[in-house]
Protein backbone atom coordinates (compact mmCIF):
# COMPACT_ATOMS: atom_id res chain seq x y z
CA MET A 1 3.90 13.53 -11.18
CA THR A 2 7.21 15.36 -11.15
CA GLU A 3 9.64 16.98 -13.55
CA ARG A 4 12.50 15.03 -12.04
CA ALA A 5 13.33 11.82 -13.90
CA LEU A 6 13.51 8.56 -11.98
CA ILE A 7 16.93 6.96 -11.97
CA PRO A 8 16.47 3.16 -12.26
CA LEU A 9 18.25 1.12 -9.65
CA HIS A 10 20.38 -0.69 -12.24
CA GLU A 11 21.74 2.69 -13.43
CA ARG A 12 22.53 3.76 -9.86
CA LEU A 13 24.49 0.53 -9.45
CA GLY A 14 26.30 0.84 -12.76
CA HIS A 15 24.73 -2.25 -14.31
CA SER A 16 24.71 -2.34 -18.10
CA ARG A 17 21.43 -4.25 -18.25
CA PRO A 18 18.20 -3.91 -16.29
CA LEU A 19 17.90 -6.13 -13.24
CA GLY A 20 14.47 -7.35 -14.31
CA ALA A 21 10.89 -6.22 -13.95
CA ARG A 22 11.19 -5.66 -10.21
CA GLY A 23 14.88 -5.55 -9.54
CA GLN A 24 16.64 -7.86 -7.10
CA LEU A 25 16.68 -7.88 -3.33
CA ASP A 26 20.47 -8.13 -3.24
CA ALA A 27 20.69 -5.03 -5.45
CA GLN A 28 18.43 -3.15 -3.04
CA LEU A 29 20.68 -4.15 -0.16
CA PHE A 30 23.78 -3.09 -2.07
CA TRP A 31 22.33 0.34 -2.80
CA ALA A 32 21.21 0.70 0.84
CA ARG A 33 24.79 0.08 1.97
CA GLU A 34 25.97 2.77 -0.45
CA ILE A 35 23.48 5.24 1.03
CA GLN A 36 24.54 4.37 4.56
CA HIS A 37 28.19 4.83 3.66
CA HIS A 38 27.82 8.21 1.95
CA GLU A 39 25.04 9.94 3.89
CA PRO A 40 25.61 10.80 7.58
CA ARG A 41 21.98 10.32 8.62
CA ASN A 42 20.01 7.78 10.60
CA PRO A 43 19.72 4.82 8.23
CA HIS A 44 18.09 2.66 10.88
CA ARG A 45 14.99 4.82 11.17
CA LYS A 46 12.13 2.39 10.55
CA SER A 47 8.37 2.36 11.07
CA VAL A 48 5.29 0.48 9.96
CA TYR A 49 2.72 3.01 8.78
CA SER A 50 -0.83 1.69 9.01
CA LEU A 51 -3.07 3.67 6.65
CA LEU A 52 -6.56 4.37 7.98
CA GLY A 53 -9.51 5.20 5.73
CA ASP A 54 -13.19 4.30 5.75
CA SER A 55 -15.03 3.17 2.63
CA ALA A 56 -18.63 2.71 1.55
CA LEU A 57 -17.53 -0.71 0.30
CA ASN A 58 -17.49 -1.98 3.87
CA ILE A 59 -21.25 -1.64 4.17
CA ASP A 60 -22.54 -1.51 0.57
CA TRP A 61 -20.53 -4.44 -0.82
CA LEU A 62 -19.37 -6.57 2.10
CA GLY A 63 -22.41 -6.20 4.34
CA PHE A 64 -20.71 -4.79 7.42
CA ARG A 65 -23.04 -3.40 10.07
CA GLU A 66 -24.33 0.11 9.43
CA ASP A 67 -22.40 1.63 12.32
CA TYR A 68 -19.05 0.07 11.31
CA ASP A 69 -16.19 2.49 11.81
CA LEU A 70 -12.57 1.62 11.15
CA ALA A 71 -11.25 4.19 13.63
CA ALA A 72 -13.44 2.75 16.37
CA GLU A 73 -12.13 -0.74 15.59
CA ILE A 74 -8.53 0.47 15.87
CA MET A 75 -9.25 2.20 19.16
CA ALA A 76 -10.85 -0.96 20.55
CA ASP A 77 -7.72 -2.94 19.62
CA LEU A 78 -5.49 -0.40 21.33
CA LYS A 79 -7.50 -0.67 24.55
CA GLU A 80 -7.12 -4.46 24.54
CA PRO A 81 -4.10 -5.17 22.34
CA SER A 82 -4.34 -8.48 20.52
CA GLU A 83 -1.12 -8.22 18.51
CA VAL A 84 2.51 -8.78 19.35
CA LEU A 85 4.53 -5.64 18.64
CA LEU A 86 8.27 -5.09 18.48
CA GLY A 87 9.16 -1.93 20.34
CA GLU A 88 12.14 -1.08 18.13
CA VAL A 89 9.87 -0.94 15.05
CA PRO A 90 6.91 1.29 15.96
CA ARG A 91 3.52 0.93 14.31
CA ILE A 92 2.19 4.39 13.44
CA PHE A 93 -1.42 4.99 12.35
CA VAL A 94 -1.89 7.53 9.55
CA GLU A 95 -5.42 8.95 9.50
CA LEU A 96 -6.45 9.70 5.92
CA ALA A 97 -10.23 9.51 5.69
CA CYS A 98 -12.00 8.31 8.82
CA SER A 99 -15.68 9.17 9.22
CA HIS A 100 -15.14 9.12 12.99
CA GLU A 101 -12.52 11.63 14.14
CA LEU A 102 -9.86 9.83 16.13
CA SER A 103 -9.43 12.78 18.47
CA HIS A 104 -12.93 12.19 19.88
CA ASP A 105 -11.68 9.08 21.69
CA ILE A 106 -9.72 9.26 24.95
CA GLU A 107 -7.49 6.42 23.74
CA TYR A 108 -6.23 8.72 20.98
CA TRP A 109 -4.84 11.15 23.54
CA LEU A 110 -3.35 8.36 25.63
CA GLN A 111 -1.36 7.14 22.61
CA LYS A 112 -1.15 10.29 20.53
CA GLU A 113 2.46 9.62 19.50
CA ARG A 114 1.19 6.66 17.45
CA PHE A 115 -1.14 8.76 15.27
CA VAL A 116 -0.46 11.08 12.36
CA ASP A 117 -3.17 13.34 10.94
CA ARG A 118 -3.07 13.48 7.14
CA ARG A 119 -6.80 13.72 6.47
CA CYS A 120 -7.80 14.06 2.82
CA GLY A 121 -11.56 13.56 3.06
CA LEU A 122 -14.37 11.71 4.82
CA PHE A 123 -14.45 8.27 3.14
CA SER A 124 -14.27 6.71 -0.31
CA ARG A 125 -17.65 6.12 -1.96
CA ASP A 126 -19.39 3.18 -3.61
CA PRO A 127 -17.83 3.00 -7.12
CA TYR A 128 -21.00 1.52 -8.62
CA TYR A 129 -22.74 4.90 -8.71
CA GLY A 130 -19.77 7.11 -9.51
CA PRO A 131 -16.06 7.61 -8.83
CA ALA A 132 -14.90 6.44 -5.40
CA LEU A 133 -12.81 9.61 -5.12
CA THR A 134 -12.97 13.02 -6.74
CA THR A 135 -9.95 14.07 -8.77
CA ALA A 136 -9.07 16.61 -6.06
CA GLU A 137 -9.33 14.00 -3.29
CA CYS A 138 -7.16 11.51 -5.15
CA ARG A 139 -4.54 14.13 -5.96
CA SER A 140 -4.53 15.37 -2.36
CA ALA A 141 -3.91 11.86 -1.02
CA LEU A 142 -1.21 11.22 -3.63
CA GLU A 143 0.60 14.46 -2.83
CA LYS A 144 0.40 13.88 0.92
CA GLY A 145 1.99 10.47 0.39
CA GLN A 146 4.79 12.08 -1.62
CA GLN A 147 5.39 14.70 1.06
CA TRP A 148 5.48 12.08 3.81
CA ALA A 149 8.05 10.05 1.86
CA ARG A 150 10.27 13.10 1.42
CA GLU A 151 10.08 13.80 5.15
CA GLU A 152 11.13 10.21 5.90
CA VAL A 153 14.08 10.50 3.52
CA HIS A 154 15.24 13.67 5.30
CA ARG A 155 15.02 11.79 8.61
CA GLY A 156 17.37 9.17 7.21
CA ALA A 157 15.08 6.22 6.44
CA LEU A 158 16.24 3.44 4.13
CA TRP A 159 13.11 1.31 4.37
CA ASN A 160 9.68 1.98 5.84
CA ALA A 161 6.62 -0.24 5.61
CA LEU A 162 3.10 0.66 4.49
CA GLU A 163 0.16 -1.41 5.66
CA TRP A 164 -3.35 -1.10 4.22
CA VAL A 165 -5.74 -1.66 7.15
CA ASN A 166 -9.28 -1.39 5.76
CA PRO A 167 -10.66 -4.92 5.20
CA SER A 168 -12.56 -3.86 2.07
CA GLY A 169 -9.38 -2.80 0.29
CA PHE A 170 -9.17 -6.02 -1.73
CA VAL A 171 -12.26 -4.95 -3.73
CA SER A 172 -10.45 -1.89 -5.08
CA CYS A 173 -7.39 -4.05 -5.72
CA ALA A 174 -9.44 -6.55 -7.72
CA ALA A 175 -10.84 -3.79 -9.94
CA LEU A 176 -7.49 -2.11 -10.62
CA LEU A 177 -5.56 -5.31 -11.23
CA TYR A 178 -8.21 -6.46 -13.69
CA LEU A 179 -8.34 -3.13 -15.56
CA HIS A 180 -4.59 -2.72 -15.97
CA PHE A 181 -3.22 -6.27 -15.92
CA GLY A 182 -6.13 -8.56 -16.82
CA PHE A 183 -5.97 -10.35 -13.47
CA ARG A 184 -9.31 -12.12 -12.98
CA PRO A 185 -11.11 -10.74 -9.90
CA GLU A 186 -12.42 -14.15 -8.82
CA LEU A 187 -8.84 -15.41 -8.25
CA LEU A 188 -8.33 -12.68 -5.70
CA LEU A 189 -11.81 -12.59 -4.14
CA LYS A 190 -11.90 -16.30 -3.36
CA ARG A 191 -8.88 -15.81 -1.08
CA PHE A 192 -10.97 -13.60 1.19
CA LEU A 193 -14.57 -14.80 0.82
CA PRO A 194 -16.62 -18.00 0.62
CA GLU A 195 -17.04 -19.19 -2.97
CA ASN A 196 -20.66 -18.09 -3.39
CA LYS A 197 -19.93 -14.64 -1.93
CA ALA A 198 -16.81 -14.30 -4.10
CA GLN A 199 -18.80 -15.08 -7.26
CA GLU A 200 -21.50 -12.61 -6.25
CA LEU A 201 -18.94 -9.88 -5.62
CA ALA A 202 -17.09 -10.64 -8.88
CA HIS A 203 -20.38 -10.23 -10.77
CA LYS A 204 -21.09 -6.91 -9.06
CA LEU A 205 -17.57 -5.72 -9.79
CA ASP A 206 -17.95 -6.65 -13.46
CA ARG A 207 -21.19 -4.67 -13.68
CA THR A 208 -19.56 -1.73 -11.90
CA ILE A 209 -16.57 -1.63 -14.25
CA LYS A 210 -18.83 -1.71 -17.32
CA ARG A 211 -20.81 1.27 -16.03
CA HIS A 212 -17.82 3.61 -16.27
CA PRO A 213 -15.61 4.80 -19.15
CA TYR A 214 -12.59 2.58 -19.70
CA SER A 215 -9.26 4.33 -19.16
CA ARG A 216 -5.67 3.16 -19.34
CA ASP A 217 -4.60 6.11 -17.23
CA PRO A 218 -3.71 4.86 -13.72
CA PHE A 219 -4.68 8.09 -11.97
CA THR A 220 -8.13 8.09 -13.60
CA SER A 221 -8.79 4.46 -12.68
CA MET A 222 -7.70 5.19 -9.09
CA THR A 223 -10.34 7.90 -8.83
CA PHE A 224 -13.05 5.50 -10.03
CA PHE A 225 -12.07 2.38 -8.08
CA GLY A 226 -9.32 3.31 -5.62
CA SER A 227 -9.22 4.70 -2.10
CA PHE A 228 -7.43 7.35 -0.07
CA GLU A 229 -5.03 4.72 1.27
CA LEU A 230 -4.08 3.47 -2.18
CA ALA A 231 -3.48 6.97 -3.55
CA PHE A 232 -1.42 7.95 -0.49
CA ALA A 233 0.63 4.75 -0.74
CA CYS A 234 1.33 5.26 -4.46
CA GLY A 235 2.50 8.79 -3.72
CA TYR A 236 4.76 7.49 -0.97
CA VAL A 237 6.29 4.72 -3.11
CA THR A 238 6.97 6.92 -6.15
CA ALA A 239 8.51 9.75 -4.09
CA SER A 240 10.67 7.27 -2.15
CA ALA A 241 11.83 5.72 -5.41
CA LEU A 242 12.89 9.11 -6.74
CA GLU A 243 15.16 9.44 -3.72
CA GLY A 244 16.49 5.88 -4.07
CA ARG A 245 14.72 4.64 -0.93
CA PHE A 246 12.63 1.51 -0.49
CA THR A 247 9.13 0.70 0.71
CA VAL A 248 8.17 -2.60 2.34
CA LEU A 249 4.73 -3.74 1.16
CA GLY A 250 2.61 -6.80 1.81
CA GLY A 251 -0.73 -8.39 1.10
CA VAL A 252 -2.86 -7.79 -1.95
CA GLY A 253 -2.85 -4.08 -1.16
CA GLY A 254 0.92 -4.09 -1.41
CA TRP A 255 0.97 -5.88 -4.76
CA THR A 256 -1.56 -3.38 -6.11
CA VAL A 257 0.28 -0.33 -4.78
CA ALA A 258 3.54 -1.58 -6.31
CA ALA A 259 1.93 -2.26 -9.70
CA MET A 260 0.04 1.05 -9.81
CA SER A 261 3.15 2.97 -8.72
CA GLU A 262 5.04 1.48 -11.65
CA LEU A 263 2.34 2.72 -14.02
CA LEU A 264 2.46 6.19 -12.47
CA LEU A 265 6.26 6.36 -12.48
CA PRO A 266 8.12 3.65 -14.44
CA GLY A 267 11.01 2.22 -12.44
CA SER A 268 9.31 2.47 -9.05
CA LEU A 269 9.08 -1.31 -8.78
CA HIS A 270 12.82 -1.51 -8.29
CA TYR A 271 12.30 0.23 -4.96
CA THR A 272 9.51 -1.92 -3.54
CA THR A 273 10.26 -4.88 -1.26
CA MET A 274 7.50 -7.43 -0.69
CA VAL A 275 7.05 -9.16 2.65
CA GLN A 276 5.90 -12.43 1.09
CA ARG A 277 5.69 -14.25 -2.22
CA ALA A 278 2.39 -14.36 -4.08
CA PRO A 279 0.36 -17.58 -4.50
CA GLU A 280 1.45 -19.57 -7.54
CA GLU A 281 -1.87 -19.17 -9.37
CA TRP A 282 -1.54 -15.40 -9.06
CA VAL A 283 2.00 -15.46 -10.47
CA GLU A 284 0.89 -17.61 -13.41
CA GLU A 285 -2.03 -15.27 -14.15
CA ALA A 286 -0.12 -11.97 -13.91
CA PRO A 287 3.66 -12.40 -13.52
CA ALA A 288 4.26 -8.70 -14.19
CA VAL A 289 2.41 -7.93 -10.95
CA PHE A 290 3.25 -10.82 -8.65
CA LEU A 291 6.78 -11.92 -9.57
CA SER A 292 9.02 -10.10 -7.12
CA PRO A 293 11.94 -10.42 -4.73
CA THR A 294 10.67 -11.22 -1.26
CA VAL A 295 11.77 -10.99 2.35
CA PHE A 296 9.86 -14.00 3.66
CA GLU A 297 8.49 -17.06 1.94
CA SER A 298 4.94 -17.00 3.27
CA SER A 299 2.30 -17.12 0.53
CA GLN A 300 -0.69 -16.01 2.60
CA ALA A 301 -2.98 -13.39 1.09
CA GLU A 302 -2.62 -10.91 3.96
CA CYS A 303 -0.01 -10.02 6.58
CA ALA A 304 -0.09 -9.04 10.22
CA PRO A 305 1.80 -5.93 11.43
CA LEU A 306 4.37 -8.25 12.97
CA HIS A 307 5.40 -9.49 9.50
CA TYR A 308 6.30 -5.95 8.41
CA GLN A 309 8.20 -5.30 11.61
CA LEU A 310 10.22 -8.50 11.25
CA ALA A 311 10.92 -7.67 7.60
CA LEU A 312 12.34 -4.26 8.53
CA LEU A 313 14.55 -5.76 11.24
CA HIS A 314 15.75 -8.45 8.84
CA LEU A 315 16.57 -6.02 6.03
CA LEU A 316 18.43 -3.53 8.19
CA ALA A 317 20.39 -6.33 9.86
CA LEU A 318 21.62 -7.32 6.38
CA VAL A 319 22.62 -3.75 5.60
């Protein structure tokens, strides 16, 4: 990933022993105060970055309509906003791999300041037949995430939030968490689907995983079962960690990004801050993934943009 070695948070703070698998929230706050004291930048810069990418999983696995388009869904929401937003924490959409170009919609030009073009490809493919991403696509998304994190650091950010928007993302999460941490897919899938559909999808996922070579390498498994959003987010988290900055994550996508980032660059978990605690059965099954300091105590499987915005306000108020 980089020739530069990651400095663990406990070493930055002068602790003689590690803070634990994921560090502590109070240690993150302490380090943030140190940054604010020594660096004359804008430590209160904060945004929620919503990562946009289409996937064949939407249609092939979850049975969405054939003309489903994530970008079109986002545009429809912007025309008739259904969410409560906090003006001081903007929600920015990062276009990574939308089959429909956002710029073709008039709403894009009306709210252009809310969109960032970081396109890496068209969409991630059905992993049953082959890798969801090519090696070049995965590396491109990872590197663009790293570059975006470095830009945020130069702008003075302490925390920024990443939100995984595509509703099919939990399928990729289930595959990666099973491959690397032994977390049973059915525990995750039943949080999002009716029991019969969850069992059907777990069976299909099992067959898909067995079709491909097994690899312990996190980058390789991301090409087979990941997505543009996941690769971009892992790049962002690892690059932020190298600079001693933090990323707010939430939902099953957030847990997966944090765990995969740690595999890519050990120590990155110290610099991730989760919006909510994981369900108890998840923690019991895979504590290395789901045991973490939290900002809020909600145990829901997914989060709304408002949760990330409130988390950022809460954290920076403590700093």
